[in-house]
Amino acid sequence: MPGRKWTVDEKMNIVLEGMVPGANISEVCRQHGVAQSLYYKWRDAFLTG
């Protein structure tokens, strides 16, 4: 089964939600159905432009 396609806006919003001070990355990922490894990949891409 192929994975879900995330839009750039969806990715950005999830990453920003995880960057809020005090945010729990595990909980953010669980709420959105995203693997933590994918979250960190998106975050790194977001931070490097």
C-alpha atoms as a PDB file:
ATOM      1  CA  MET A   1       0.000   0.000   0.000  1.00  0.00           C
ATOM      2  CA  PRO A   2       1.553   3.314  -1.023  1.00  0.00           C
ATOM      3  CA  GLY A   3       2.005   6.005   1.599  1.00  0.00           C
ATOM      4  CA  ARG A   4      -0.078   9.128   1.891  1.00  0.00           C
ATOM      5  CA  LYS A   5       0.908  12.145  -0.200  1.00  0.00           C
ATOM      6  CA  TRP A   6       1.448  15.195   1.988  1.00  0.00           C
ATOM      7  CA  THR A   7       1.234  18.700   0.540  1.00  0.00           C
ATOM      8  CA  VAL A   8       4.005  21.194   1.238  1.00  0.00           C
ATOM      9  CA  ASP A   9       1.607  23.192   3.427  1.00  0.00           C
ATOM     10  CA  GLU A  10       0.677  20.109   5.465  1.00  0.00           C
ATOM     11  CA  LYS A  11       4.326  19.232   6.000  1.00  0.00           C
ATOM     12  CA  MET A  12       5.179  22.788   7.008  1.00  0.00           C
ATOM     13  CA  ASN A  13       2.283  22.991   9.473  1.00  0.00           C
ATOM     14  CA  ILE A  14       3.232  19.681  11.110  1.00  0.00           C
ATOM     15  CA  VAL A  15       6.883  20.741  11.397  1.00  0.00           C
ATOM     16  CA  LEU A  16       5.917  24.118  12.858  1.00  0.00           C
ATOM     17  CA  GLU A  17       3.592  22.428  15.351  1.00  0.00           C
ATOM     18  CA  GLY A  18       6.506  20.295  16.511  1.00  0.00           C
ATOM     19  CA  MET A  19       8.790  23.319  16.850  1.00  0.00           C
ATOM     20  CA  VAL A  20       6.566  25.101  19.371  1.00  0.00           C
ATOM     21  CA  PRO A  21       8.389  25.307  22.726  1.00  0.00           C
ATOM     22  CA  GLY A  22       7.279  22.405  24.901  1.00  0.00           C
ATOM     23  CA  ALA A  23       5.837  20.431  21.994  1.00  0.00           C
ATOM     24  CA  ASN A  24       6.042  16.646  22.257  1.00  0.00           C
ATOM     25  CA  ILE A  25       7.242  15.313  18.889  1.00  0.00           C
ATOM     26  CA  SER A  26       5.886  11.833  19.593  1.00  0.00           C
ATOM     27  CA  GLU A  27       2.426  13.261  20.250  1.00  0.00           C
ATOM     28  CA  VAL A  28       2.500  15.570  17.213  1.00  0.00           C
ATOM     29  CA  CYS A  29       3.478  12.654  14.983  1.00  0.00           C
ATOM     30  CA  ARG A  30       0.836  10.386  16.498  1.00  0.00           C
ATOM     31  CA  GLN A  31      -1.902  13.002  16.017  1.00  0.00           C
ATOM     32  CA  HIS A  32      -1.054  13.371  12.337  1.00  0.00           C
ATOM     33  CA  GLY A  33      -0.167   9.752  11.594  1.00  0.00           C
ATOM     34  CA  VAL A  34       3.422  10.603  10.661  1.00  0.00           C
ATOM     35  CA  ALA A  35       6.490   8.539  11.544  1.00  0.00           C
ATOM     36  CA  GLN A  36       9.004  10.431  13.667  1.00  0.00           C
ATOM     37  CA  SER A  37      11.740   9.682  11.139  1.00  0.00           C
ATOM     38  CA  LEU A  38       9.643  11.364   8.442  1.00  0.00           C
ATOM     39  CA  TYR A  39       8.969  14.338  10.712  1.00  0.00           C
ATOM     40  CA  TYR A  40      12.702  14.850  11.281  1.00  0.00           C
ATOM     41  CA  LYS A  41      13.381  14.512   7.546  1.00  0.00           C
ATOM     42  CA  TRP A  42      10.799  17.232   6.835  1.00  0.00           C
ATOM     43  CA  ARG A  43      12.161  19.406   9.658  1.00  0.00           C
ATOM     44  CA  ASP A  44      15.713  19.166   8.373  1.00  0.00           C
ATOM     45  CA  ALA A  45      14.568  20.037   4.838  1.00  0.00           C
ATOM     46  CA  PHE A  46      12.518  22.945   6.191  1.00  0.00           C
ATOM     47  CA  LEU A  47      15.450  24.328   8.195  1.00  0.00           C
ATOM     48  CA  THR A  48      17.947  24.053   5.334  1.00  0.00           C
ATOM     49  CA  GLY A  49      15.614  25.686   2.846  1.00  0.00           C
END
